[in-house]
């Protein structure tokens, strides 16, 4: 049986990893994204797009395939009513 002192949540993930500290700028961007009804994964990808990471880095960080990333990006563009990545950056700029 796992205890609170062992540093695990019972699902194998250390509590420190689950409670990643969010910067103020990331929190502002997350708040700006709320009205667009993005899923958790879409929000994560939108944040990564806004930080201007390249596609391969986003794929590695999210652990998804290129086709899945394309689908998420299409939905993000539609929900944010943008046509290109630079519009996401300007829409979310703080």
PDB file of N, CA and C in Angstrom:
ATOM      1  N   UNK A   1       0.841  -1.185   0.000  1.00  0.00           N
ATOM      2  CA  UNK A   1       0.000   0.000   0.000  1.00  0.00           C
ATOM      3  C   UNK A   1       0.880   1.239   0.000  1.00  0.00           C
ATOM      4  N   UNK A   2       0.533   2.211  -0.868  1.00  0.00           N
ATOM      5  CA  UNK A   2       1.294   3.451  -0.975  1.00  0.00           C
ATOM      6  C   UNK A   2       0.900   4.402   0.148  1.00  0.00           C
ATOM      7  N   UNK A   3       1.889   5.089   0.669  1.00  0.00           N
ATOM      8  CA  UNK A   3       1.617   6.094   1.694  1.00  0.00           C
ATOM      9  C   UNK A   3       1.914   7.467   1.133  1.00  0.00           C
ATOM     10  N   UNK A   4       1.414   8.484   1.798  1.00  0.00           N
ATOM     11  CA  UNK A   4       1.642   9.858   1.366  1.00  0.00           C
ATOM     12  C   UNK A   4       3.121  10.201   1.414  1.00  0.00           C
ATOM     13  N   UNK A   5       3.875   9.529   2.264  1.00  0.00           N
ATOM     14  CA  UNK A   5       5.294   9.827   2.404  1.00  0.00           C
ATOM     15  C   UNK A   5       6.129   9.230   1.283  1.00  0.00           C
ATOM     16  N   UNK A   6       5.593   8.284   0.556  1.00  0.00           N
ATOM     17  CA  UNK A   6       6.371   7.610  -0.482  1.00  0.00           C
ATOM     18  C   UNK A   6       6.527   8.453  -1.741  1.00  0.00           C
ATOM     19  N   UNK A   7       5.747   9.525  -1.885  1.00  0.00           N
ATOM     20  CA  UNK A   7       5.870  10.399  -3.044  1.00  0.00           C
ATOM     21  C   UNK A   7       5.191   9.885  -4.294  1.00  0.00           C
ATOM     22  N   UNK A   8       4.307   8.919  -4.166  1.00  0.00           N
ATOM     23  CA  UNK A   8       3.605   8.396  -5.318  1.00  0.00           C
ATOM     24  C   UNK A   8       2.112   8.539  -5.106  1.00  0.00           C
ATOM     25  N   UNK A   9       1.396   8.700  -6.194  1.00  0.00           N
ATOM     26  CA  UNK A   9      -0.056   8.868  -6.100  1.00  0.00           C
ATOM     27  C   UNK A   9      -0.792   7.546  -6.273  1.00  0.00           C
ATOM     28  N   UNK A  10      -0.067   6.436  -6.263  1.00  0.00           N
ATOM     29  CA  UNK A  10      -0.702   5.135  -6.426  1.00  0.00           C
ATOM     30  C   UNK A  10      -0.850   4.738  -7.877  1.00  0.00           C
ATOM     31  N   UNK A  11      -0.555   5.665  -8.801  1.00  0.00           N
ATOM     32  CA  UNK A  11      -0.650   5.364 -10.219  1.00  0.00           C
ATOM     33  C   UNK A  11       0.731   5.368 -10.856  1.00  0.00           C
ATOM     34  N   UNK A  12       1.776   5.417 -10.045  1.00  0.00           N
ATOM     35  CA  UNK A  12       3.122   5.362 -10.569  1.00  0.00           C
ATOM     36  C   UNK A  12       3.755   6.714 -10.845  1.00  0.00           C
ATOM     37  N   UNK A  13       2.986   7.791 -10.835  1.00  0.00           N
ATOM     38  CA  UNK A  13       3.537   9.118 -11.127  1.00  0.00           C
ATOM     39  C   UNK A  13       3.862   9.842  -9.830  1.00  0.00           C
ATOM     40  N   UNK A  14       5.107  10.287  -9.684  1.00  0.00           N
ATOM     41  CA  UNK A  14       5.446  11.043  -8.473  1.00  0.00           C
ATOM     42  C   UNK A  14       4.598  12.309  -8.369  1.00  0.00           C
ATOM     43  N   UNK A  15       4.251  12.663  -7.146  1.00  0.00           N
ATOM     44  CA  UNK A  15       3.392  13.821  -6.933  1.00  0.00           C
ATOM     45  C   UNK A  15       4.026  15.099  -7.450  1.00  0.00           C
ATOM     46  N   UNK A  16       5.358  15.208  -7.376  1.00  0.00           N
ATOM     47  CA  UNK A  16       6.022  16.414  -7.851  1.00  0.00           C
ATOM     48  C   UNK A  16       5.766  16.639  -9.335  1.00  0.00           C
ATOM     49  N   UNK A  17       5.753  15.555 -10.116  1.00  0.00           N
ATOM     50  CA  UNK A  17       5.508  15.666 -11.550  1.00  0.00           C
ATOM     51  C   UNK A  17       4.082  16.113 -11.822  1.00  0.00           C
ATOM     52  N   UNK A  18       3.148  15.636 -11.034  1.00  0.00           N
ATOM     53  CA  UNK A  18       1.748  16.016 -11.240  1.00  0.00           C
ATOM     54  C   UNK A  18       1.505  17.464 -10.887  1.00  0.00           C
ATOM     55  N   UNK A  19       2.269  17.997  -9.949  1.00  0.00           N
ATOM     56  CA  UNK A  19       2.070  19.369  -9.499  1.00  0.00           C
ATOM     57  C   UNK A  19       3.115  20.300 -10.093  1.00  0.00           C
ATOM     58  N   UNK A  20       3.286  20.244 -11.404  1.00  0.00           N
ATOM     59  CA  UNK A  20       4.251  21.090 -12.084  1.00  0.00           C
ATOM     60  C   UNK A  20       3.869  22.546 -11.870  1.00  0.00           C
ATOM     61  N   UNK A  21       4.847  23.350 -11.533  1.00  0.00           N
ATOM     62  CA  UNK A  21       4.603  24.762 -11.293  1.00  0.00           C
ATOM     63  C   UNK A  21       4.328  25.456 -12.621  1.00  0.00           C
ATOM     64  N   UNK A  22       3.263  26.228 -12.672  1.00  0.00           N
ATOM     65  CA  UNK A  22       2.873  26.937 -13.881  1.00  0.00           C
ATOM     66  C   UNK A  22       3.301  28.393 -13.747  1.00  0.00           C
ATOM     67  N   UNK A  23       3.988  28.901 -14.755  1.00  0.00           N
ATOM     68  CA  UNK A  23       4.436  30.288 -14.727  1.00  0.00           C
ATOM     69  C   UNK A  23       3.242  31.223 -14.896  1.00  0.00           C
ATOM     70  N   UNK A  24       3.447  32.466 -14.508  1.00  0.00           N
ATOM     71  CA  UNK A  24       2.370  33.455 -14.646  1.00  0.00           C
ATOM     72  C   UNK A  24       1.979  33.649 -16.101  1.00  0.00           C
ATOM     73  N   UNK A  25       2.964  33.687 -16.992  1.00  0.00           N
ATOM     74  CA  UNK A  25       2.643  33.890 -18.408  1.00  0.00           C
ATOM     75  C   UNK A  25       1.848  32.705 -18.966  1.00  0.00           C
ATOM     76  N   UNK A  26       2.208  31.477 -18.545  1.00  0.00           N
ATOM     77  CA  UNK A  26       1.448  30.312 -18.987  1.00  0.00           C
ATOM     78  C   UNK A  26       0.027  30.363 -18.433  1.00  0.00           C
ATOM     79  N   UNK A  27      -0.119  30.792 -17.196  1.00  0.00           N
ATOM     80  CA  UNK A  27      -1.456  30.895 -16.609  1.00  0.00           C
ATOM     81  C   UNK A  27      -2.294  31.926 -17.362  1.00  0.00           C
ATOM     82  N   UNK A  28      -1.680  33.042 -17.743  1.00  0.00           N
ATOM     83  CA  UNK A  28      -2.414  34.060 -18.511  1.00  0.00           C
ATOM     84  C   UNK A  28      -2.892  33.491 -19.844  1.00  0.00           C
ATOM     85  N   UNK A  29      -2.012  32.747 -20.506  1.00  0.00           N
ATOM     86  CA  UNK A  29      -2.389  32.154 -21.788  1.00  0.00           C
ATOM     87  C   UNK A  29      -3.495  31.133 -21.593  1.00  0.00           C
ATOM     88  N   UNK A  30      -3.392  30.299 -20.553  1.00  0.00           N
ATOM     89  CA  UNK A  30      -4.447  29.321 -20.265  1.00  0.00           C
ATOM     90  C   UNK A  30      -5.790  30.022 -20.037  1.00  0.00           C
ATOM     91  N   UNK A  31      -5.771  31.128 -19.323  1.00  0.00           N
ATOM     92  CA  UNK A  31      -7.005  31.880 -19.067  1.00  0.00           C
ATOM     93  C   UNK A  31      -7.569  32.459 -20.361  1.00  0.00           C
ATOM     94  N   UNK A  32      -6.702  32.896 -21.251  1.00  0.00           N
ATOM     95  CA  UNK A  32      -7.162  33.418 -22.541  1.00  0.00           C
ATOM     96  C   UNK A  32      -7.768  32.312 -23.412  1.00  0.00           C
ATOM     97  N   UNK A  33      -7.333  31.083 -23.212  1.00  0.00           N
ATOM     98  CA  UNK A  33      -7.836  29.958 -24.000  1.00  0.00           C
ATOM     99  C   UNK A  33      -9.171  29.418 -23.491  1.00  0.00           C
ATOM    100  N   UNK A  34      -9.504  29.681 -22.230  1.00  0.00           N
ATOM    101  CA  UNK A  34     -10.724  29.110 -21.639  1.00  0.00           C
ATOM    102  C   UNK A  34     -11.990  29.334 -22.463  1.00  0.00           C
ATOM    103  N   UNK A  35     -12.251  30.544 -22.967  1.00  0.00           N
ATOM    104  CA  UNK A  35     -13.517  30.750 -23.702  1.00  0.00           C
ATOM    105  C   UNK A  35     -13.642  29.942 -24.993  1.00  0.00           C
ATOM    106  N   UNK A  36     -12.542  29.365 -25.471  1.00  0.00           N
ATOM    107  CA  UNK A  36     -12.566  28.658 -26.748  1.00  0.00           C
ATOM    108  C   UNK A  36     -12.901  27.183 -26.623  1.00  0.00           C
ATOM    109  N   UNK A  37     -13.109  26.710 -25.406  1.00  0.00           N
ATOM    110  CA  UNK A  37     -13.556  25.336 -25.161  1.00  0.00           C
ATOM    111  C   UNK A  37     -12.614  24.293 -25.774  1.00  0.00           C
ATOM    112  N   UNK A  38     -11.311  24.483 -25.559  1.00  0.00           N
ATOM    113  CA  UNK A  38     -10.332  23.510 -26.031  1.00  0.00           C
ATOM    114  C   UNK A  38     -10.248  22.344 -25.044  1.00  0.00           C
ATOM    115  N   UNK A  39      -9.935  21.174 -25.558  1.00  0.00           N
ATOM    116  CA  UNK A  39      -9.691  20.031 -24.684  1.00  0.00           C
ATOM    117  C   UNK A  39      -8.346  20.251 -23.975  1.00  0.00           C
ATOM    118  N   UNK A  40      -8.039  19.396 -22.998  1.00  0.00           N
ATOM    119  CA  UNK A  40      -6.758  19.508 -22.300  1.00  0.00           C
ATOM    120  C   UNK A  40      -5.591  19.362 -23.269  1.00  0.00           C
ATOM    121  N   UNK A  41      -5.671  18.395 -24.164  1.00  0.00           N
ATOM    122  CA  UNK A  41      -4.589  18.162 -25.127  1.00  0.00           C
ATOM    123  C   UNK A  41      -4.486  19.323 -26.110  1.00  0.00           C
ATOM    124  N   UNK A  42      -5.626  19.841 -26.562  1.00  0.00           N
ATOM    125  CA  UNK A  42      -5.598  20.993 -27.468  1.00  0.00           C
ATOM    126  C   UNK A  42      -4.985  22.210 -26.780  1.00  0.00           C
ATOM    127  N   UNK A  43      -5.296  22.399 -25.498  1.00  0.00           N
ATOM    128  CA  UNK A  43      -4.714  23.503 -24.743  1.00  0.00           C
ATOM    129  C   UNK A  43      -3.206  23.332 -24.640  1.00  0.00           C
ATOM    130  N   UNK A  44      -2.768  22.121 -24.321  1.00  0.00           N
ATOM    131  CA  UNK A  44      -1.343  21.832 -24.222  1.00  0.00           C
ATOM    132  C   UNK A  44      -0.641  22.142 -25.548  1.00  0.00           C
ATOM    133  N   UNK A  45      -1.222  21.714 -26.648  1.00  0.00           N
ATOM    134  CA  UNK A  45      -0.621  21.932 -27.958  1.00  0.00           C
ATOM    135  C   UNK A  45      -0.656  23.408 -28.335  1.00  0.00           C
ATOM    136  N   UNK A  46      -1.734  24.096 -28.030  1.00  0.00           N
ATOM    137  CA  UNK A  46      -1.816  25.534 -28.312  1.00  0.00           C
ATOM    138  C   UNK A  46      -0.727  26.292 -27.563  1.00  0.00           C
ATOM    139  N   UNK A  47      -0.485  25.898 -26.314  1.00  0.00           N
ATOM    140  CA  UNK A  47       0.598  26.520 -25.544  1.00  0.00           C
ATOM    141  C   UNK A  47       1.945  26.271 -26.206  1.00  0.00           C
ATOM    142  N   UNK A  48       2.161  25.054 -26.668  1.00  0.00           N
ATOM    143  CA  UNK A  48       3.424  24.726 -27.327  1.00  0.00           C
ATOM    144  C   UNK A  48       3.561  25.452 -28.665  1.00  0.00           C
ATOM    145  N   UNK A  49       2.458  25.598 -29.387  1.00  0.00           N
ATOM    146  CA  UNK A  49       2.479  26.363 -30.633  1.00  0.00           C
ATOM    147  C   UNK A  49       2.810  27.826 -30.355  1.00  0.00           C
ATOM    148  N   UNK A  50       2.258  28.347 -29.282  1.00  0.00           N
ATOM    149  CA  UNK A  50       2.496  29.750 -28.922  1.00  0.00           C
ATOM    150  C   UNK A  50       3.943  29.998 -28.518  1.00  0.00           C
ATOM    151  N   UNK A  51       4.614  28.966 -27.999  1.00  0.00           N
ATOM    152  CA  UNK A  51       6.021  29.121 -27.630  1.00  0.00           C
ATOM    153  C   UNK A  51       6.925  28.926 -28.841  1.00  0.00           C
ATOM    154  N   UNK A  52       6.320  28.687 -29.987  1.00  0.00           N
ATOM    155  CA  UNK A  52       7.018  28.585 -31.265  1.00  0.00           C
ATOM    156  C   UNK A  52       8.006  27.420 -31.338  1.00  0.00           C
ATOM    157  N   UNK A  53       7.660  26.329 -30.661  1.00  0.00           N
ATOM    158  CA  UNK A  53       8.452  25.103 -30.807  1.00  0.00           C
ATOM    159  C   UNK A  53       8.191  24.521 -32.189  1.00  0.00           C
ATOM    160  N   UNK A  54       9.169  23.815 -32.735  1.00  0.00           N
ATOM    161  CA  UNK A  54       8.931  23.189 -34.028  1.00  0.00           C
ATOM    162  C   UNK A  54       8.113  21.908 -33.849  1.00  0.00           C
ATOM    163  N   UNK A  55       7.581  21.451 -34.949  1.00  0.00           N
ATOM    164  CA  UNK A  55       6.667  20.301 -34.953  1.00  0.00           C
ATOM    165  C   UNK A  55       7.285  19.073 -34.292  1.00  0.00           C
ATOM    166  N   UNK A  56       8.542  18.785 -34.584  1.00  0.00           N
ATOM    167  CA  UNK A  56       9.175  17.574 -34.026  1.00  0.00           C
ATOM    168  C   UNK A  56       9.278  17.656 -32.504  1.00  0.00           C
ATOM    169  N   UNK A  57       9.551  18.830 -31.971  1.00  0.00           N
ATOM    170  CA  UNK A  57       9.630  18.993 -30.513  1.00  0.00           C
ATOM    171  C   UNK A  57       8.243  18.827 -29.871  1.00  0.00           C
ATOM    172  N   UNK A  58       7.224  19.344 -30.517  1.00  0.00           N
ATOM    173  CA  UNK A  58       5.853  19.185 -30.006  1.00  0.00           C
ATOM    174  C   UNK A  58       5.470  17.702 -30.011  1.00  0.00           C
ATOM    175  N   UNK A  59       5.819  16.997 -31.073  1.00  0.00           N
ATOM    176  CA  UNK A  59       5.523  15.558 -31.150  1.00  0.00           C
ATOM    177  C   UNK A  59       6.188  14.805 -30.009  1.00  0.00           C
ATOM    178  N   UNK A  60       7.438  15.120 -29.733  1.00  0.00           N
ATOM    179  CA  UNK A  60       8.160  14.452 -28.641  1.00  0.00           C
ATOM    180  C   UNK A  60       7.538  14.763 -27.285  1.00  0.00           C
ATOM    181  N   UNK A  61       7.239  16.021 -27.044  1.00  0.00           N
ATOM    182  CA  UNK A  61       6.690  16.414 -25.740  1.00  0.00           C
ATOM    183  C   UNK A  61       5.308  15.836 -25.483  1.00  0.00           C
ATOM    184  N   UNK A  62       4.504  15.739 -26.542  1.00  0.00           N
ATOM    185  CA  UNK A  62       3.132  15.257 -26.373  1.00  0.00           C
ATOM    186  C   UNK A  62       3.006  13.749 -26.522  1.00  0.00           C
ATOM    187  N   UNK A  63       3.988  13.122 -27.124  1.00  0.00           N
ATOM    188  CA  UNK A  63       3.927  11.679 -27.315  1.00  0.00           C
ATOM    189  C   UNK A  63       2.811  11.241 -28.243  1.00  0.00           C
ATOM    190  N   UNK A  64       2.622  12.000 -29.328  1.00  0.00           N
ATOM    191  CA  UNK A  64       1.568  11.691 -30.290  1.00  0.00           C
ATOM    192  C   UNK A  64       2.184  11.570 -31.682  1.00  0.00           C
ATOM    193  N   UNK A  65       1.396  11.042 -32.626  1.00  0.00           N
ATOM    194  CA  UNK A  65       1.870  10.916 -34.004  1.00  0.00           C
ATOM    195  C   UNK A  65       1.651  12.228 -34.750  1.00  0.00           C
ATOM    196  N   UNK A  66       2.302  12.335 -35.902  1.00  0.00           N
ATOM    197  CA  UNK A  66       2.166  13.532 -36.725  1.00  0.00           C
ATOM    198  C   UNK A  66       0.720  13.744 -37.168  1.00  0.00           C
ATOM    199  N   UNK A  67       0.031  12.665 -37.538  1.00  0.00           N
ATOM    200  CA  UNK A  67      -1.372  12.799 -37.962  1.00  0.00           C
ATOM    201  C   UNK A  67      -2.265  13.272 -36.820  1.00  0.00           C
ATOM    202  N   UNK A  68      -2.002  12.787 -35.615  1.00  0.00           N
ATOM    203  CA  UNK A  68      -2.781  13.232 -34.460  1.00  0.00           C
ATOM    204  C   UNK A  68      -2.524  14.716 -34.203  1.00  0.00           C
ATOM    205  N   UNK A  69      -1.278  15.133 -34.313  1.00  0.00           N
ATOM    206  CA  UNK A  69      -0.950  16.546 -34.134  1.00  0.00           C
ATOM    207  C   UNK A  69      -1.673  17.403 -35.171  1.00  0.00           C
ATOM    208  N   UNK A  70      -1.688  16.954 -36.420  1.00  0.00           N
ATOM    209  CA  UNK A  70      -2.396  17.693 -37.475  1.00  0.00           C
ATOM    210  C   UNK A  70      -3.873  17.862 -37.124  1.00  0.00           C
ATOM    211  N   UNK A  71      -4.483  16.802 -36.615  1.00  0.00           N
ATOM    212  CA  UNK A  71      -5.903  16.868 -36.239  1.00  0.00           C
ATOM    213  C   UNK A  71      -6.123  17.873 -35.121  1.00  0.00           C
ATOM    214  N   UNK A  72      -5.258  17.831 -34.108  1.00  0.00           N
ATOM    215  CA  UNK A  72      -5.384  18.783 -33.003  1.00  0.00           C
ATOM    216  C   UNK A  72      -5.214  20.216 -33.503  1.00  0.00           C
ATOM    217  N   UNK A  73      -4.224  20.432 -34.345  1.00  0.00           N
ATOM    218  CA  UNK A  73      -3.970  21.781 -34.858  1.00  0.00           C
ATOM    219  C   UNK A  73      -5.155  22.281 -35.670  1.00  0.00           C
ATOM    220  N   UNK A  74      -5.751  21.428 -36.503  1.00  0.00           N
ATOM    221  CA  UNK A  74      -6.940  21.827 -37.276  1.00  0.00           C
ATOM    222  C   UNK A  74      -8.069  22.273 -36.350  1.00  0.00           C
ATOM    223  N   UNK A  75      -8.308  21.484 -35.284  1.00  0.00           N
ATOM    224  CA  UNK A  75      -9.378  21.838 -34.353  1.00  0.00           C
ATOM    225  C   UNK A  75      -9.057  23.129 -33.599  1.00  0.00           C
ATOM    226  N   UNK A  76      -7.793  23.307 -33.220  1.00  0.00           N
ATOM    227  CA  UNK A  76      -7.384  24.532 -32.530  1.00  0.00           C
ATOM    228  C   UNK A  76      -7.610  25.735 -33.440  1.00  0.00           C
ATOM    229  N   UNK A  77      -7.174  25.644 -34.696  1.00  0.00           N
ATOM    230  CA  UNK A  77      -7.363  26.740 -35.644  1.00  0.00           C
ATOM    231  C   UNK A  77      -8.842  27.076 -35.789  1.00  0.00           C
ATOM    232  N   UNK A  78      -9.666  26.041 -35.910  1.00  0.00           N
ATOM    233  CA  UNK A  78     -11.109  26.264 -36.086  1.00  0.00           C
ATOM    234  C   UNK A  78     -11.700  26.948 -34.850  1.00  0.00           C
ATOM    235  N   UNK A  79     -11.371  26.438 -33.676  1.00  0.00           N
ATOM    236  CA  UNK A  79     -11.935  26.988 -32.440  1.00  0.00           C
ATOM    237  C   UNK A  79     -11.449  28.406 -32.167  1.00  0.00           C
ATOM    238  N   UNK A  80     -10.195  28.703 -32.506  1.00  0.00           N
ATOM    239  CA  UNK A  80      -9.656  30.044 -32.284  1.00  0.00           C
ATOM    240  C   UNK A  80      -9.940  30.981 -33.458  1.00  0.00           C
ATOM    241  N   UNK A  81     -10.494  30.434 -34.532  1.00  0.00           N
ATOM    242  CA  UNK A  81     -10.793  31.180 -35.752  1.00  0.00           C
ATOM    243  C   UNK A  81      -9.535  31.857 -36.303  1.00  0.00           C
ATOM    244  N   UNK A  82      -8.495  31.055 -36.487  1.00  0.00           N
ATOM    245  CA  UNK A  82      -7.246  31.534 -37.071  1.00  0.00           C
ATOM    246  C   UNK A  82      -6.904  30.683 -38.284  1.00  0.00           C
ATOM    247  N   UNK A  83      -6.033  31.211 -39.122  1.00  0.00           N
ATOM    248  CA  UNK A  83      -5.668  30.493 -40.343  1.00  0.00           C
ATOM    249  C   UNK A  83      -4.216  30.022 -40.341  1.00  0.00           C
ATOM    250  N   UNK A  84      -3.376  30.602 -39.463  1.00  0.00           N
ATOM    251  CA  UNK A  84      -1.980  30.195 -39.403  1.00  0.00           C
ATOM    252  C   UNK A  84      -1.442  30.360 -37.987  1.00  0.00           C
ATOM    253  N   UNK A  85      -0.317  29.701 -37.772  1.00  0.00           N
ATOM    254  CA  UNK A  85       0.279  29.629 -36.437  1.00  0.00           C
ATOM    255  C   UNK A  85       0.601  31.002 -35.850  1.00  0.00           C
ATOM    256  N   UNK A  86       1.080  31.912 -36.660  1.00  0.00           N
ATOM    257  CA  UNK A  86       1.432  33.244 -36.154  1.00  0.00           C
ATOM    258  C   UNK A  86       0.208  33.976 -35.590  1.00  0.00           C
ATOM    259  N   UNK A  87      -0.976  33.656 -36.099  1.00  0.00           N
ATOM    260  CA  UNK A  87      -2.195  34.260 -35.567  1.00  0.00           C
ATOM    261  C   UNK A  87      -2.495  33.744 -34.162  1.00  0.00           C
ATOM    262  N   UNK A  88      -2.132  32.494 -33.889  1.00  0.00           N
ATOM    263  CA  UNK A  88      -2.303  31.961 -32.541  1.00  0.00           C
ATOM    264  C   UNK A  88      -1.421  32.740 -31.578  1.00  0.00           C
ATOM    265  N   UNK A  89      -0.181  32.968 -31.977  1.00  0.00           N
ATOM    266  CA  UNK A  89       0.762  33.700 -31.130  1.00  0.00           C
ATOM    267  C   UNK A  89       0.232  35.102 -30.838  1.00  0.00           C
ATOM    268  N   UNK A  90      -0.244  35.797 -31.870  1.00  0.00           N
ATOM    269  CA  UNK A  90      -0.744  37.158 -31.646  1.00  0.00           C
ATOM    270  C   UNK A  90      -2.045  37.161 -30.846  1.00  0.00           C
ATOM    271  N   UNK A  91      -2.884  36.163 -31.048  1.00  0.00           N
ATOM    272  CA  UNK A  91      -4.141  36.083 -30.308  1.00  0.00           C
ATOM    273  C   UNK A  91      -3.890  35.830 -28.821  1.00  0.00           C
ATOM    274  N   UNK A  92      -2.847  35.060 -28.495  1.00  0.00           N
ATOM    275  CA  UNK A  92      -2.584  34.694 -27.113  1.00  0.00           C
ATOM    276  C   UNK A  92      -1.525  35.562 -26.442  1.00  0.00           C
ATOM    277  N   UNK A  93      -0.952  36.500 -27.173  1.00  0.00           N
ATOM    278  CA  UNK A  93       0.109  37.310 -26.575  1.00  0.00           C
ATOM    279  C   UNK A  93      -0.431  38.077 -25.386  1.00  0.00           C
ATOM    280  N   UNK A  94       0.433  38.177 -24.394  1.00  0.00           N
ATOM    281  CA  UNK A  94       0.043  38.764 -23.109  1.00  0.00           C
ATOM    282  C   UNK A  94       0.462  40.209 -23.041  1.00  0.00           C
TER     283      UNK A  94
END
